Amino acid sequence: MSGISIDTFTVRVPLKLKRHGGRKLVIVPDGGGLPERPSTRPDDTLLKALARAHRWKRMLESGLVRSMNELAEAEKINPSYLTRIYRLTLLAPDIVEAILDGRQPRTLQLADLMDDVPMEWERQREVLDQPPSFRTTAPN
């Protein structure tokens, strides 16, 4: 080389990699002072689950099937799984809209929605840590 000195330094950043919808996300501890960014596009897994839940609701309400067990048999799925996905029909409209628009927090996953999410919309927002900036309607 022609007398060029190259200084090297190392930067260590504590972070965690998390799989989300087949992608890897970099999670900075304690948010690293950075605000949570919404997803740049809708999460296909969440969209599919919402669509299925509402299709199943229409099937039940129209009388096409008479019970959740009959619906599970018709769909060839476990009744427990069906009821956990069906709960998505109880989500607050602004949470559903944020998911449809891809504005949900990046860390929100289907598993979070399949847990015991409360029926009250304001409590859902608290439990799901839904930031006010993602809400499209004012809470009542």
C-alpha atoms as a PDB file:
ATOM      1  CA  MET A   1       0.000   0.000   0.000  1.00  0.00           C
ATOM      2  CA  SER A   2       1.072   3.553  -0.476  1.00  0.00           C
ATOM      3  CA  GLY A   3       1.387   4.565   3.178  1.00  0.00           C
ATOM      4  CA  ILE A   4      -2.370   4.814   3.858  1.00  0.00           C
ATOM      5  CA  SER A   5      -3.236   4.072   7.462  1.00  0.00           C
ATOM      6  CA  ILE A   6      -6.592   2.458   8.101  1.00  0.00           C
ATOM      7  CA  ASP A   7      -7.973   2.879  11.579  1.00  0.00           C
ATOM      8  CA  THR A   8     -10.481   0.311  12.698  1.00  0.00           C
ATOM      9  CA  PHE A   9     -13.048   0.655  15.426  1.00  0.00           C
ATOM     10  CA  THR A  10     -15.864  -1.567  16.600  1.00  0.00           C
ATOM     11  CA  VAL A  11     -19.339  -0.465  17.576  1.00  0.00           C
ATOM     12  CA  ARG A  12     -21.400  -2.867  19.665  1.00  0.00           C
ATOM     13  CA  VAL A  13     -25.138  -2.400  19.725  1.00  0.00           C
ATOM     14  CA  PRO A  14     -27.202  -4.694  21.933  1.00  0.00           C
ATOM     15  CA  LEU A  15     -30.118  -5.921  19.865  1.00  0.00           C
ATOM     16  CA  LYS A  16     -32.391  -8.872  19.430  1.00  0.00           C
ATOM     17  CA  LEU A  17     -33.545 -10.480  16.200  1.00  0.00           C
ATOM     18  CA  LYS A  18     -37.185 -11.555  16.125  1.00  0.00           C
ATOM     19  CA  ARG A  19     -39.010 -13.482  13.421  1.00  0.00           C
ATOM     20  CA  HIS A  20     -42.243 -11.851  12.313  1.00  0.00           C
ATOM     21  CA  GLY A  21     -44.277 -13.167   9.424  1.00  0.00           C
ATOM     22  CA  GLY A  22     -41.256 -14.876   7.866  1.00  0.00           C
ATOM     23  CA  ARG A  23     -39.147 -11.726   8.168  1.00  0.00           C
ATOM     24  CA  LYS A  24     -36.518 -10.869  10.730  1.00  0.00           C
ATOM     25  CA  LEU A  25     -36.895  -7.691  12.758  1.00  0.00           C
ATOM     26  CA  VAL A  26     -34.190  -5.966  14.729  1.00  0.00           C
ATOM     27  CA  ILE A  27     -35.474  -5.127  18.211  1.00  0.00           C
ATOM     28  CA  VAL A  28     -33.483  -2.480  20.056  1.00  0.00           C
ATOM     29  CA  PRO A  29     -33.600  -2.861  23.858  1.00  0.00           C
ATOM     30  CA  ASP A  30     -35.931  -0.421  25.650  1.00  0.00           C
ATOM     31  CA  GLY A  31     -36.809   1.063  22.284  1.00  0.00           C
ATOM     32  CA  GLY A  32     -33.398   2.729  22.203  1.00  0.00           C
ATOM     33  CA  GLY A  33     -35.169   6.064  22.383  1.00  0.00           C
ATOM     34  CA  LEU A  34     -36.617   5.408  18.933  1.00  0.00           C
ATOM     35  CA  PRO A  35     -40.368   5.586  18.416  1.00  0.00           C
ATOM     36  CA  GLU A  36     -42.068   2.401  17.235  1.00  0.00           C
ATOM     37  CA  ARG A  37     -42.693   2.637  13.507  1.00  0.00           C
ATOM     38  CA  PRO A  38     -45.807   1.127  12.036  1.00  0.00           C
ATOM     39  CA  SER A  39     -45.434  -1.658   9.534  1.00  0.00           C
ATOM     40  CA  THR A  40     -44.884  -0.388   6.007  1.00  0.00           C
ATOM     41  CA  ARG A  41     -47.334  -2.899   4.584  1.00  0.00           C
ATOM     42  CA  PRO A  42     -50.150  -5.057   5.912  1.00  0.00           C
ATOM     43  CA  ASP A  43     -49.193  -8.313   7.598  1.00  0.00           C
ATOM     44  CA  ASP A  44     -50.485 -11.139   5.379  1.00  0.00           C
ATOM     45  CA  THR A  45     -50.936 -13.510   8.330  1.00  0.00           C
ATOM     46  CA  LEU A  46     -53.083 -11.003  10.233  1.00  0.00           C
ATOM     47  CA  LEU A  47     -55.096 -10.165   7.107  1.00  0.00           C
ATOM     48  CA  LYS A  48     -55.804 -13.813   6.346  1.00  0.00           C
ATOM     49  CA  ALA A  49     -56.878 -14.488   9.948  1.00  0.00           C
ATOM     50  CA  LEU A  50     -59.204 -11.456   9.982  1.00  0.00           C
ATOM     51  CA  ALA A  51     -60.742 -12.505   6.667  1.00  0.00           C
ATOM     52  CA  ARG A  52     -61.302 -16.061   7.873  1.00  0.00           C
ATOM     53  CA  ALA A  53     -62.843 -14.911  11.160  1.00  0.00           C
ATOM     54  CA  HIS A  54     -65.326 -12.635   9.419  1.00  0.00           C
ATOM     55  CA  ARG A  55     -66.161 -15.253   6.778  1.00  0.00           C
ATOM     56  CA  TRP A  56     -66.885 -17.752   9.576  1.00  0.00           C
ATOM     57  CA  LYS A  57     -69.039 -15.170  11.350  1.00  0.00           C
ATOM     58  CA  ARG A  58     -71.108 -14.668   8.178  1.00  0.00           C
ATOM     59  CA  MET A  59     -71.475 -18.435   7.794  1.00  0.00           C
ATOM     60  CA  LEU A  60     -72.816 -18.743  11.344  1.00  0.00           C
ATOM     61  CA  GLU A  61     -75.079 -15.691  11.139  1.00  0.00           C
ATOM     62  CA  SER A  62     -76.565 -16.752   7.792  1.00  0.00           C
ATOM     63  CA  GLY A  63     -77.398 -20.237   9.085  1.00  0.00           C
ATOM     64  CA  LEU A  64     -75.065 -21.927   6.597  1.00  0.00           C
ATOM     65  CA  VAL A  65     -73.676 -23.790   9.612  1.00  0.00           C
ATOM     66  CA  ARG A  66     -75.481 -24.236  12.926  1.00  0.00           C
ATOM     67  CA  SER A  67     -72.607 -24.286  15.417  1.00  0.00           C
ATOM     68  CA  MET A  68     -68.918 -23.696  15.896  1.00  0.00           C
ATOM     69  CA  ASN A  69     -68.356 -27.469  15.986  1.00  0.00           C
ATOM     70  CA  GLU A  70     -70.167 -27.900  12.663  1.00  0.00           C
ATOM     71  CA  LEU A  71     -68.122 -25.024  11.226  1.00  0.00           C
ATOM     72  CA  ALA A  72     -64.878 -26.626  12.444  1.00  0.00           C
ATOM     73  CA  GLU A  73     -65.882 -29.903  10.801  1.00  0.00           C
ATOM     74  CA  ALA A  74     -66.783 -28.132   7.551  1.00  0.00           C
ATOM     75  CA  GLU A  75     -63.451 -26.270   7.549  1.00  0.00           C
ATOM     76  CA  LYS A  76     -61.555 -29.409   8.664  1.00  0.00           C
ATOM     77  CA  ILE A  77     -59.828 -27.553  11.498  1.00  0.00           C
ATOM     78  CA  ASN A  78     -59.554 -27.934  15.244  1.00  0.00           C
ATOM     79  CA  PRO A  79     -62.516 -26.309  17.076  1.00  0.00           C
ATOM     80  CA  SER A  80     -60.141 -24.696  19.573  1.00  0.00           C
ATOM     81  CA  TYR A  81     -58.173 -23.005  16.767  1.00  0.00           C
ATOM     82  CA  LEU A  82     -61.422 -21.876  15.138  1.00  0.00           C
ATOM     83  CA  THR A  83     -62.676 -20.200  18.326  1.00  0.00           C
ATOM     84  CA  ARG A  84     -59.348 -18.439  18.897  1.00  0.00           C
ATOM     85  CA  ILE A  85     -59.369 -17.021  15.348  1.00  0.00           C
ATOM     86  CA  TYR A  86     -63.097 -16.238  15.591  1.00  0.00           C
ATOM     87  CA  ARG A  87     -62.332 -13.868  18.515  1.00  0.00           C
ATOM     88  CA  LEU A  88     -60.816 -11.478  15.968  1.00  0.00           C
ATOM     89  CA  THR A  89     -64.395 -10.479  15.071  1.00  0.00           C
ATOM     90  CA  LEU A  90     -64.537  -8.779  18.488  1.00  0.00           C
ATOM     91  CA  LEU A  91     -61.601  -6.427  17.869  1.00  0.00           C
ATOM     92  CA  ALA A  92     -62.174  -2.681  18.050  1.00  0.00           C
ATOM     93  CA  PRO A  93     -62.836  -1.183  14.596  1.00  0.00           C
ATOM     94  CA  ASP A  94     -59.809   1.114  14.793  1.00  0.00           C
ATOM     95  CA  ILE A  95     -57.519  -1.830  15.589  1.00  0.00           C
ATOM     96  CA  VAL A  96     -58.938  -3.765  12.622  1.00  0.00           C
ATOM     97  CA  GLU A  97     -58.520  -0.723  10.383  1.00  0.00           C
ATOM     98  CA  ALA A  98     -54.904  -0.265  11.507  1.00  0.00           C
ATOM     99  CA  ILE A  99     -54.203  -3.920  10.674  1.00  0.00           C
ATOM    100  CA  LEU A 100     -55.889  -3.624   7.267  1.00  0.00           C
ATOM    101  CA  ASP A 101     -53.895  -0.481   6.480  1.00  0.00           C
ATOM    102  CA  GLY A 102     -50.623  -1.964   7.764  1.00  0.00           C
ATOM    103  CA  ARG A 103     -50.391   0.633  10.542  1.00  0.00           C
ATOM    104  CA  GLN A 104     -50.297  -1.839  13.420  1.00  0.00           C
ATOM    105  CA  PRO A 105     -47.152  -1.964  15.562  1.00  0.00           C
ATOM    106  CA  ARG A 106     -44.516  -4.110  13.874  1.00  0.00           C
ATOM    107  CA  THR A 107     -44.327  -6.382  16.882  1.00  0.00           C
ATOM    108  CA  LEU A 108     -48.070  -7.211  16.843  1.00  0.00           C
ATOM    109  CA  GLN A 109     -48.489 -10.816  15.780  1.00  0.00           C
ATOM    110  CA  LEU A 110     -51.435 -13.146  15.325  1.00  0.00           C
ATOM    111  CA  ALA A 111     -50.446 -15.019  18.487  1.00  0.00           C
ATOM    112  CA  ASP A 112     -50.967 -11.785  20.450  1.00  0.00           C
ATOM    113  CA  LEU A 113     -54.514 -11.554  19.133  1.00  0.00           C
ATOM    114  CA  MET A 114     -55.259 -15.230  19.771  1.00  0.00           C
ATOM    115  CA  ASP A 115     -54.501 -14.864  23.460  1.00  0.00           C
ATOM    116  CA  ASP A 116     -57.215 -13.852  25.866  1.00  0.00           C
ATOM    117  CA  VAL A 117     -57.863 -10.354  24.469  1.00  0.00           C
ATOM    118  CA  PRO A 118     -60.600  -8.519  26.423  1.00  0.00           C
ATOM    119  CA  MET A 119     -63.933  -7.752  24.770  1.00  0.00           C
ATOM    120  CA  GLU A 120     -63.920  -4.079  25.803  1.00  0.00           C
ATOM    121  CA  TRP A 121     -62.332  -1.997  23.063  1.00  0.00           C
ATOM    122  CA  GLU A 122     -60.467   0.383  25.359  1.00  0.00           C
ATOM    123  CA  ARG A 123     -58.990  -2.566  27.284  1.00  0.00           C
ATOM    124  CA  GLN A 124     -57.984  -4.165  23.972  1.00  0.00           C
ATOM    125  CA  ARG A 125     -56.005  -1.046  23.137  1.00  0.00           C
ATOM    126  CA  GLU A 126     -54.288  -1.185  26.519  1.00  0.00           C
ATOM    127  CA  VAL A 127     -53.516  -4.920  26.347  1.00  0.00           C
ATOM    128  CA  LEU A 128     -52.291  -4.753  22.757  1.00  0.00           C
ATOM    129  CA  ASP A 129     -50.348  -1.600  23.574  1.00  0.00           C
ATOM    130  CA  GLN A 130     -52.037   0.114  20.641  1.00  0.00           C
ATOM    131  CA  PRO A 131     -50.515   3.615  20.500  1.00  0.00           C
ATOM    132  CA  PRO A 132     -53.000   6.495  20.152  1.00  0.00           C
ATOM    133  CA  SER A 133     -51.324   7.529  16.880  1.00  0.00           C
ATOM    134  CA  PHE A 134     -52.643   4.340  15.248  1.00  0.00           C
ATOM    135  CA  ARG A 135     -56.213   5.040  16.280  1.00  0.00           C
ATOM    136  CA  THR A 136     -58.455   6.444  13.608  1.00  0.00           C
ATOM    137  CA  THR A 137     -61.401   7.290  15.822  1.00  0.00           C
ATOM    138  CA  ALA A 138     -61.583   9.049  19.142  1.00  0.00           C
ATOM    139  CA  PRO A 139     -62.305   6.712  22.067  1.00  0.00           C
ATOM    140  CA  ASN A 140     -65.827   7.050  23.488  1.00  0.00           C
END
